[in-house]
């Protein structure tokens, strides 16, 4: 099953040349989940070959502009392009007030349903589940209420050993039960041991998205043992005082978080516009956690 994330924006606060405000697109089994929607997200979707019409779920971490200023434009474009299917938005409650005001004063009546789910930054909780993924909030420590999101794959059904089933001419109507792990007895008395005809599916993977936050042990349990951790790394550690003032994290601290929670891989992003090149940020993180990569716009990372 496909489980991958494409970086659409990796800059913090203000866009800079070749770096846009935060946005990511998670593909889980060809269902698309937009995580944050900074200014210019529509252009980034077009640039990297994604159809906005395929996005059915939007997750907004908090209400600083670099994480949601692109949303009103995206929703308006979907309206103009004739969308009729619902879109589901998970975000702080005040965002709905902002959207209503925008649409009111532009005299826009959106032709498709917006299903809004208000998130809270009090306690971590499950906010969504379908056949593919479970989504839980991560309570971060920022200047305003802010949540990250943990996306965990659902365990898939067992995989059939099709060649063996066909060779033994096992009727196809028994395949679904075998995939569910059931042992079967055929009308002729033949016993089909599930373990002989199927293989276990891959272990579910998890993607944790930590947007804006101070280094704070209180959210570590929510991201423990994740396969891929995206964590903001706005500053180099020499600017720790500035990071604390603005409730952000340094590259060194992001790597320390990944090490502490036993993440398998770390992506760092949300880079300050003061940094024209990103190699020093990567180098700093690598001194603590060697499985670190930069979140580069346009690159798709396998979770």
Protein backbone atom coordinates (compact mmCIF):
# COMPACT_ATOMS: atom_id res chain seq x y z
CA UNK A 1 0.00 0.00 0.00
CA UNK A 2 1.32 3.41 -0.91
CA UNK A 3 2.22 5.55 2.12
CA UNK A 4 4.31 8.56 1.22
CA UNK A 5 4.52 12.30 1.81
CA UNK A 6 5.41 15.06 -0.66
CA UNK A 7 6.76 18.34 0.65
CA UNK A 8 4.97 21.33 -0.92
CA UNK A 9 6.35 24.02 1.38
CA UNK A 10 9.23 24.06 3.86
CA UNK A 11 9.74 27.69 4.87
CA UNK A 12 8.73 29.32 8.14
CA UNK A 13 6.85 32.60 8.58
CA UNK A 14 7.72 34.17 5.21
CA UNK A 15 8.41 32.66 1.80
CA UNK A 16 11.87 33.00 0.30
CA UNK A 17 13.21 32.26 -3.15
CA UNK A 18 12.63 28.56 -3.90
CA UNK A 19 11.00 27.92 -0.50
CA UNK A 20 7.29 28.28 0.25
CA UNK A 21 5.32 28.31 3.51
CA UNK A 22 4.39 25.01 5.08
CA UNK A 23 2.29 22.44 3.24
CA UNK A 24 2.56 18.68 2.76
CA UNK A 25 0.55 16.09 0.86
CA UNK A 26 0.26 12.61 2.36
CA UNK A 27 -0.73 9.79 0.01
CA UNK A 28 -2.18 6.77 1.80
CA UNK A 29 -3.45 4.16 -0.63
CA UNK A 30 -4.25 6.85 -3.23
CA UNK A 31 -6.27 8.92 -0.77
CA UNK A 32 -4.77 12.37 -0.28
CA UNK A 33 -4.44 14.25 3.00
CA UNK A 34 -3.28 17.89 2.90
CA UNK A 35 -1.32 18.83 6.01
CA UNK A 36 -1.25 22.61 6.51
CA UNK A 37 -1.84 24.94 3.61
CA UNK A 38 0.49 27.91 3.49
CA UNK A 39 0.34 30.64 0.88
CA UNK A 40 1.01 29.31 -2.62
CA UNK A 41 -0.03 25.72 -1.94
CA UNK A 42 -2.19 25.68 -5.08
CA UNK A 43 0.77 26.64 -7.24
CA UNK A 44 2.90 23.95 -5.60
CA UNK A 45 0.27 21.30 -6.28
CA UNK A 46 0.24 22.30 -9.95
CA UNK A 47 4.03 22.49 -10.13
CA UNK A 48 4.49 18.96 -8.78
CA UNK A 49 1.67 17.34 -10.73
CA UNK A 50 -1.05 16.85 -8.12
CA UNK A 51 -4.76 17.46 -8.70
CA UNK A 52 -6.33 19.51 -5.91
CA UNK A 53 -9.64 17.83 -6.72
CA UNK A 54 -8.29 14.57 -5.27
CA UNK A 55 -7.81 16.10 -1.81
CA UNK A 56 -10.68 15.10 0.48
CA UNK A 57 -9.07 15.78 3.87
CA UNK A 58 -7.27 18.88 5.18
CA UNK A 59 -5.45 19.11 8.52
CA UNK A 60 -4.45 22.56 9.84
CA UNK A 61 -2.09 22.58 12.82
CA UNK A 62 -2.68 26.14 14.04
CA UNK A 63 -3.73 29.61 12.98
CA UNK A 64 -0.46 31.31 12.16
CA UNK A 65 -0.74 32.49 8.59
CA UNK A 66 2.15 30.51 7.15
CA UNK A 67 0.15 27.36 7.93
CA UNK A 68 -3.27 28.27 6.50
CA UNK A 69 -3.25 31.42 4.34
CA UNK A 70 -3.44 29.26 1.21
CA UNK A 71 -6.64 27.50 2.26
CA UNK A 72 -9.23 30.10 1.24
CA UNK A 73 -7.76 30.20 -2.26
CA UNK A 74 -7.70 26.44 -2.55
CA UNK A 75 -11.32 26.10 -1.41
CA UNK A 76 -12.39 28.86 -3.80
CA UNK A 77 -10.66 27.20 -6.73
CA UNK A 78 -12.35 23.88 -5.98
CA UNK A 79 -15.67 25.76 -6.00
CA UNK A 80 -14.91 27.45 -9.33
CA UNK A 81 -13.87 24.12 -10.84
CA UNK A 82 -17.27 22.61 -10.02
CA UNK A 83 -16.47 20.38 -7.08
CA UNK A 84 -19.56 18.77 -5.54
CA UNK A 85 -18.11 16.12 -3.22
CA UNK A 86 -17.49 17.11 0.42
CA UNK A 87 -14.15 18.13 1.82
CA UNK A 88 -13.33 17.48 5.47
CA UNK A 89 -11.26 20.03 7.40
CA UNK A 90 -9.69 19.37 10.81
CA UNK A 91 -8.54 22.62 12.40
CA UNK A 92 -8.90 24.96 15.37
CA UNK A 93 -12.52 26.11 15.71
CA UNK A 94 -11.75 29.74 14.86
CA UNK A 95 -10.75 28.78 11.32
CA UNK A 96 -14.38 28.17 10.39
CA UNK A 97 -15.21 31.69 11.52
CA UNK A 98 -12.42 33.01 9.29
CA UNK A 99 -13.65 31.03 6.27
CA UNK A 100 -17.26 32.14 6.77
CA UNK A 101 -16.16 35.79 6.92
CA UNK A 102 -14.07 35.46 3.77
CA UNK A 103 -16.90 33.86 1.83
CA UNK A 104 -19.43 36.36 3.19
CA UNK A 105 -17.58 39.43 1.98
CA UNK A 106 -16.75 37.93 -1.41
CA UNK A 107 -20.40 36.87 -1.74
CA UNK A 108 -19.31 33.30 -2.41
CA UNK A 109 -21.60 30.38 -1.73
CA UNK A 110 -19.46 27.25 -1.89
CA UNK A 111 -21.22 24.63 -4.01
CA UNK A 112 -19.83 21.63 -2.09
CA UNK A 113 -20.14 20.70 1.61
CA UNK A 114 -17.34 21.66 3.99
CA UNK A 115 -17.37 19.20 6.88
CA UNK A 116 -15.52 20.98 9.66
CA UNK A 117 -14.10 19.17 12.69
CA UNK A 118 -12.74 21.45 15.41
CA UNK A 119 -9.49 20.31 16.99
CA UNK A 120 -8.37 21.18 20.50
CA UNK A 121 -4.91 21.51 21.97
CA UNK A 122 -5.81 20.14 25.40
CA UNK A 123 -5.20 16.39 25.24
CA UNK A 124 -4.11 14.10 22.40
CA UNK A 125 -7.04 12.29 20.83
CA UNK A 126 -8.12 10.32 17.79
CA UNK A 127 -9.89 12.61 15.34
CA UNK A 128 -10.32 10.46 12.23
CA UNK A 129 -10.40 6.87 11.03
CA UNK A 130 -11.20 5.16 7.74
CA UNK A 131 -10.22 1.85 6.12
CA UNK A 132 -6.67 3.03 5.53
CA UNK A 133 -5.49 5.23 8.37
CA UNK A 134 -6.06 6.44 11.93
CA UNK A 135 -5.26 10.10 12.72
CA UNK A 136 -4.47 11.34 16.22
CA UNK A 137 -3.51 14.79 17.46
CA UNK A 138 -0.15 15.64 19.00
CA UNK A 139 -0.30 18.49 21.52
CA UNK A 140 2.57 20.86 20.80
CA UNK A 141 3.90 23.87 22.72
CA UNK A 142 3.65 27.00 20.60
CA UNK A 143 2.63 30.63 21.16
CA UNK A 144 -0.96 29.79 20.25
CA UNK A 145 -2.81 26.43 20.46
CA UNK A 146 -1.12 24.04 18.06
CA UNK A 147 -1.52 20.37 17.25
CA UNK A 148 0.59 18.01 15.25
CA UNK A 149 -0.87 14.88 13.69
CA UNK A 150 0.04 11.21 13.81
CA UNK A 151 -1.10 9.16 10.80
CA UNK A 152 -1.01 5.41 11.39
CA UNK A 153 -1.79 2.84 8.72
CA UNK A 154 -4.46 0.27 9.36
CA UNK A 155 -3.27 -3.34 9.40
CA UNK A 156 -4.00 -4.83 5.99
CA UNK A 157 -5.56 -8.22 5.30
CA UNK A 158 -3.26 -11.19 4.79
CA UNK A 159 -1.72 -11.65 1.33
CA UNK A 160 -2.80 -14.66 -0.73
CA UNK A 161 -0.26 -17.07 -2.20
CA UNK A 162 -2.11 -16.94 -5.50
CA UNK A 163 0.09 -19.39 -7.42
CA UNK A 164 -0.51 -22.11 -4.83
CA UNK A 165 -4.25 -21.45 -4.67
CA UNK A 166 -4.53 -21.61 -8.46
CA UNK A 167 -2.34 -24.71 -8.69
CA UNK A 168 -4.59 -26.51 -6.21
CA UNK A 169 -7.68 -25.12 -7.92
CA UNK A 170 -9.09 -23.62 -4.75
CA UNK A 171 -12.38 -21.85 -5.68
CA UNK A 172 -12.02 -18.07 -5.72
CA UNK A 173 -15.01 -17.59 -3.42
CA UNK A 174 -12.85 -18.82 -0.51
CA UNK A 175 -10.18 -16.15 -1.04
CA UNK A 176 -11.82 -13.41 1.08
CA UNK A 177 -12.06 -15.66 4.15
CA UNK A 178 -8.46 -16.78 3.75
CA UNK A 179 -7.35 -13.14 3.58
CA UNK A 180 -9.12 -12.58 6.90
CA UNK A 181 -7.03 -15.32 8.51
CA UNK A 182 -9.74 -17.98 8.69
CA UNK A 183 -9.06 -21.75 8.40
CA UNK A 184 -11.62 -23.39 6.09
CA UNK A 185 -13.09 -26.84 5.51
CA UNK A 186 -14.28 -27.41 1.94
CA UNK A 187 -17.42 -29.46 1.12
CA UNK A 188 -15.17 -32.38 0.11
CA UNK A 189 -13.61 -32.39 3.58
CA UNK A 190 -10.33 -30.75 2.55
CA UNK A 191 -8.97 -28.48 5.27
CA UNK A 192 -7.35 -25.22 4.18
CA UNK A 193 -4.96 -23.98 6.86
CA UNK A 194 -4.76 -20.25 6.45
CA UNK A 195 -1.04 -20.18 7.18
CA UNK A 196 -0.40 -22.50 4.21
CA UNK A 197 -2.08 -20.22 1.68
CA UNK A 198 -1.42 -16.69 2.90
CA UNK A 199 1.38 -14.44 4.12
CA UNK A 200 1.15 -11.84 6.83
CA UNK A 201 0.74 -8.27 5.58
CA UNK A 202 3.37 -5.63 6.28
CA UNK A 203 3.40 -4.05 9.71
CA UNK A 204 1.52 -0.72 9.73
CA UNK A 205 3.68 2.40 9.53
CA UNK A 206 3.20 5.79 11.12
CA UNK A 207 3.95 9.35 10.05
CA UNK A 208 4.17 12.04 12.73
CA UNK A 209 3.91 15.71 11.81
CA UNK A 210 5.21 18.18 14.41
CA UNK A 211 4.81 21.70 13.10
CA UNK A 212 5.61 24.65 15.39
CA UNK A 213 6.75 23.86 18.91
CA UNK A 214 9.24 24.28 21.67
CA UNK A 215 11.26 21.23 22.66
CA UNK A 216 8.84 19.79 25.23
CA UNK A 217 8.85 16.26 26.63
CA UNK A 218 5.07 16.30 27.04
CA UNK A 219 4.47 15.43 23.38
CA UNK A 220 7.13 12.72 23.14
CA UNK A 221 4.77 9.88 24.07
CA UNK A 222 2.51 10.79 21.12
CA UNK A 223 5.33 10.29 18.61
CA UNK A 224 7.10 7.33 20.21
CA UNK A 225 8.49 4.70 17.80
CA UNK A 226 7.14 6.39 14.66
CA UNK A 227 8.52 5.32 11.29
CA UNK A 228 8.98 8.84 9.95
CA UNK A 229 9.00 11.96 12.11
CA UNK A 230 8.65 15.37 10.51
CA UNK A 231 9.80 17.96 13.00
CA UNK A 232 10.29 21.67 12.62
CA UNK A 233 13.89 22.87 12.79
CA UNK A 234 13.53 26.61 12.34
CA UNK A 235 16.95 27.66 13.64
CA UNK A 236 20.48 26.48 14.16
CA UNK A 237 21.24 25.82 17.82
CA UNK A 238 23.39 28.95 18.07
CA UNK A 239 20.04 30.79 17.98
CA UNK A 240 18.47 28.83 20.82
CA UNK A 241 17.43 32.02 22.63
CA UNK A 242 15.53 33.18 19.54
CA UNK A 243 13.96 29.75 19.18
CA UNK A 244 12.71 29.90 22.76
CA UNK A 245 11.38 33.44 22.31
CA UNK A 246 9.36 32.40 19.26
CA UNK A 247 8.39 28.95 20.57
CA UNK A 248 10.35 27.09 17.93
CA UNK A 249 12.94 24.31 17.80
CA UNK A 250 16.54 24.15 16.63
CA UNK A 251 17.92 21.50 14.29
CA UNK A 252 19.91 20.00 17.15
CA UNK A 253 16.80 19.75 19.32
CA UNK A 254 14.75 18.16 16.52
CA UNK A 255 17.42 15.47 16.20
CA UNK A 256 17.40 14.95 19.96
CA UNK A 257 13.63 14.44 19.83
CA UNK A 258 13.99 11.81 17.07
CA UNK A 259 16.62 9.98 19.09
CA UNK A 260 14.63 10.06 22.33
CA UNK A 261 11.39 8.77 20.76
CA UNK A 262 13.16 6.08 18.73
CA UNK A 263 12.00 7.37 15.34
CA UNK A 264 13.24 5.37 12.38
CA UNK A 265 13.72 8.46 10.19
CA UNK A 266 13.65 12.23 10.70
CA UNK A 267 12.61 14.92 8.23
CA UNK A 268 13.36 18.49 9.25
CA UNK A 269 11.71 21.58 7.82
CA UNK A 270 10.07 24.95 8.60
CA UNK A 271 13.38 26.69 7.94
CA UNK A 272 13.88 30.35 8.83
CA UNK A 273 14.19 32.67 5.83
CA UNK A 274 17.53 33.85 7.22
CA UNK A 275 19.12 30.62 5.94
CA UNK A 276 19.85 30.79 2.22
CA UNK A 277 21.47 27.35 2.22
CA UNK A 278 20.25 24.44 4.31
CA UNK A 279 23.32 22.23 4.55
CA UNK A 280 24.41 23.66 7.93
CA UNK A 281 21.00 22.80 9.37
CA UNK A 282 21.26 19.24 8.13
CA UNK A 283 24.84 18.91 9.34
CA UNK A 284 23.85 20.02 12.84
CA UNK A 285 21.03 17.48 13.08
CA UNK A 286 23.25 14.69 11.76
CA UNK A 287 25.61 15.10 14.71
CA UNK A 288 22.82 13.66 16.90
CA UNK A 289 20.62 11.57 14.59
CA UNK A 290 22.19 10.07 11.48
CA UNK A 291 18.93 9.13 9.75
CA UNK A 292 17.99 12.76 9.15
CA UNK A 293 16.96 14.30 5.83
CA UNK A 294 15.97 17.79 4.78
CA UNK A 295 12.33 18.27 3.78
CA UNK A 296 12.93 19.47 0.23
CA UNK A 297 10.03 20.86 -1.77
CA UNK A 298 8.86 18.63 -4.57
CA UNK A 299 10.49 15.52 -3.08
CA UNK A 300 8.34 12.53 -2.12
CA UNK A 301 9.48 10.54 0.90
CA UNK A 302 8.41 6.97 1.60
CA UNK A 303 7.17 6.63 5.17
